[in-house]
Amino acid sequence: MPKIKYWVKWVPKGDRYRCEKCGLVVVVEDPCGCAACDLICCEVPMKKVKAEPKKAPEKGPEKKK
């Protein structure tokens, strides 16, 4: 009997999910490798969001010598 391979797409590290009701954001830090599953908050599945680009620190006013 031939082996059947299953391709399961899991949630990779760094993926972000946001609750549409309360605004809670979840970031995946340690993926388990299981099949993709729904993250539920406020009884509603959370939506995947794109990672926000890191902002450069703002420079304050320069000090006079």
C-alpha atoms as a PDB file:
ATOM      1  CA  MET A   1       0.000   0.000   0.000  1.00  0.00           C
ATOM      2  CA  PRO A   2       1.544   3.371  -1.006  1.00  0.00           C
ATOM      3  CA  LYS A   3       2.164   5.982   1.635  1.00  0.00           C
ATOM      4  CA  ILE A   4      -0.162   8.948   1.530  1.00  0.00           C
ATOM      5  CA  LYS A   5       1.407  12.277   2.332  1.00  0.00           C
ATOM      6  CA  TYR A   6      -0.671  15.012   3.883  1.00  0.00           C
ATOM      7  CA  TRP A   7       0.449  18.590   3.541  1.00  0.00           C
ATOM      8  CA  VAL A   8      -0.679  20.541   6.532  1.00  0.00           C
ATOM      9  CA  LYS A   9      -0.181  24.270   6.671  1.00  0.00           C
ATOM     10  CA  TRP A  10       0.453  25.307  10.239  1.00  0.00           C
ATOM     11  CA  VAL A  11       0.640  28.746  11.755  1.00  0.00           C
ATOM     12  CA  PRO A  12       4.239  30.028  11.533  1.00  0.00           C
ATOM     13  CA  LYS A  13       6.034  31.972  14.240  1.00  0.00           C
ATOM     14  CA  GLY A  14       5.295  35.696  14.127  1.00  0.00           C
ATOM     15  CA  ASP A  15       1.779  35.470  12.672  1.00  0.00           C
ATOM     16  CA  ARG A  16      -0.588  38.017  14.218  1.00  0.00           C
ATOM     17  CA  TYR A  17      -4.316  37.665  14.828  1.00  0.00           C
ATOM     18  CA  ARG A  18      -6.752  40.406  15.953  1.00  0.00           C
ATOM     19  CA  CYS A  19     -10.204  40.168  17.512  1.00  0.00           C
ATOM     20  CA  GLU A  20     -12.731  42.214  15.536  1.00  0.00           C
ATOM     21  CA  LYS A  21     -14.783  42.956  18.671  1.00  0.00           C
ATOM     22  CA  CYS A  22     -12.329  43.868  21.440  1.00  0.00           C
ATOM     23  CA  GLY A  23      -9.109  44.496  19.490  1.00  0.00           C
ATOM     24  CA  LEU A  24      -6.982  41.887  21.320  1.00  0.00           C
ATOM     25  CA  VAL A  25      -3.885  40.965  19.277  1.00  0.00           C
ATOM     26  CA  VAL A  26      -2.250  37.525  19.530  1.00  0.00           C
ATOM     27  CA  VAL A  27       1.253  36.849  18.179  1.00  0.00           C
ATOM     28  CA  VAL A  28       2.399  33.250  17.632  1.00  0.00           C
ATOM     29  CA  GLU A  29       5.660  32.744  19.536  1.00  0.00           C
ATOM     30  CA  ASP A  30       5.995  28.958  19.685  1.00  0.00           C
ATOM     31  CA  PRO A  31       4.135  27.159  16.869  1.00  0.00           C
ATOM     32  CA  CYS A  32       3.140  23.575  17.649  1.00  0.00           C
ATOM     33  CA  GLY A  33       3.200  22.241  14.083  1.00  0.00           C
ATOM     34  CA  CYS A  34      -0.363  20.925  14.263  1.00  0.00           C
ATOM     35  CA  ALA A  35      -2.970  21.627  11.607  1.00  0.00           C
ATOM     36  CA  ALA A  36      -4.181  25.221  11.402  1.00  0.00           C
ATOM     37  CA  CYS A  37      -6.923  25.978  13.870  1.00  0.00           C
ATOM     38  CA  ASP A  38      -9.203  28.887  14.685  1.00  0.00           C
ATOM     39  CA  LEU A  39      -8.258  31.283  17.455  1.00  0.00           C
ATOM     40  CA  ILE A  40     -11.478  32.316  19.176  1.00  0.00           C
ATOM     41  CA  CYS A  41     -12.014  35.550  21.134  1.00  0.00           C
ATOM     42  CA  CYS A  42     -15.367  37.081  22.127  1.00  0.00           C
ATOM     43  CA  GLU A  43     -16.986  33.943  20.631  1.00  0.00           C
ATOM     44  CA  VAL A  44     -15.762  34.936  17.118  1.00  0.00           C
ATOM     45  CA  PRO A  45     -12.778  33.541  15.118  1.00  0.00           C
ATOM     46  CA  MET A  46      -9.856  35.998  15.123  1.00  0.00           C
ATOM     47  CA  LYS A  47      -8.673  37.470  11.798  1.00  0.00           C
ATOM     48  CA  LYS A  48      -5.078  37.257  10.601  1.00  0.00           C
ATOM     49  CA  VAL A  49      -3.463  40.685  10.251  1.00  0.00           C
ATOM     50  CA  LYS A  50      -0.259  41.776   8.576  1.00  0.00           C
ATOM     51  CA  ALA A  51       2.646  42.634  10.827  1.00  0.00           C
ATOM     52  CA  GLU A  52       3.100  46.344  11.255  1.00  0.00           C
ATOM     53  CA  PRO A  53       6.497  47.590  10.115  1.00  0.00           C
ATOM     54  CA  LYS A  54       8.789  48.644  12.927  1.00  0.00           C
ATOM     55  CA  LYS A  55       8.980  52.384  13.322  1.00  0.00           C
ATOM     56  CA  ALA A  56      12.301  54.160  13.652  1.00  0.00           C
ATOM     57  CA  PRO A  57      12.708  55.888  17.004  1.00  0.00           C
ATOM     58  CA  GLU A  58      11.848  59.552  16.872  1.00  0.00           C
ATOM     59  CA  LYS A  59      14.693  61.952  17.429  1.00  0.00           C
ATOM     60  CA  GLY A  60      14.106  64.530  20.082  1.00  0.00           C
ATOM     61  CA  PRO A  61      15.147  68.173  19.771  1.00  0.00           C
ATOM     62  CA  GLU A  62      18.892  68.566  19.521  1.00  0.00           C
ATOM     63  CA  LYS A  63      20.591  69.998  22.594  1.00  0.00           C
ATOM     64  CA  LYS A  64      22.709  73.114  22.214  1.00  0.00           C
ATOM     65  CA  LYS A  65      26.245  72.939  23.534  1.00  0.00           C
END
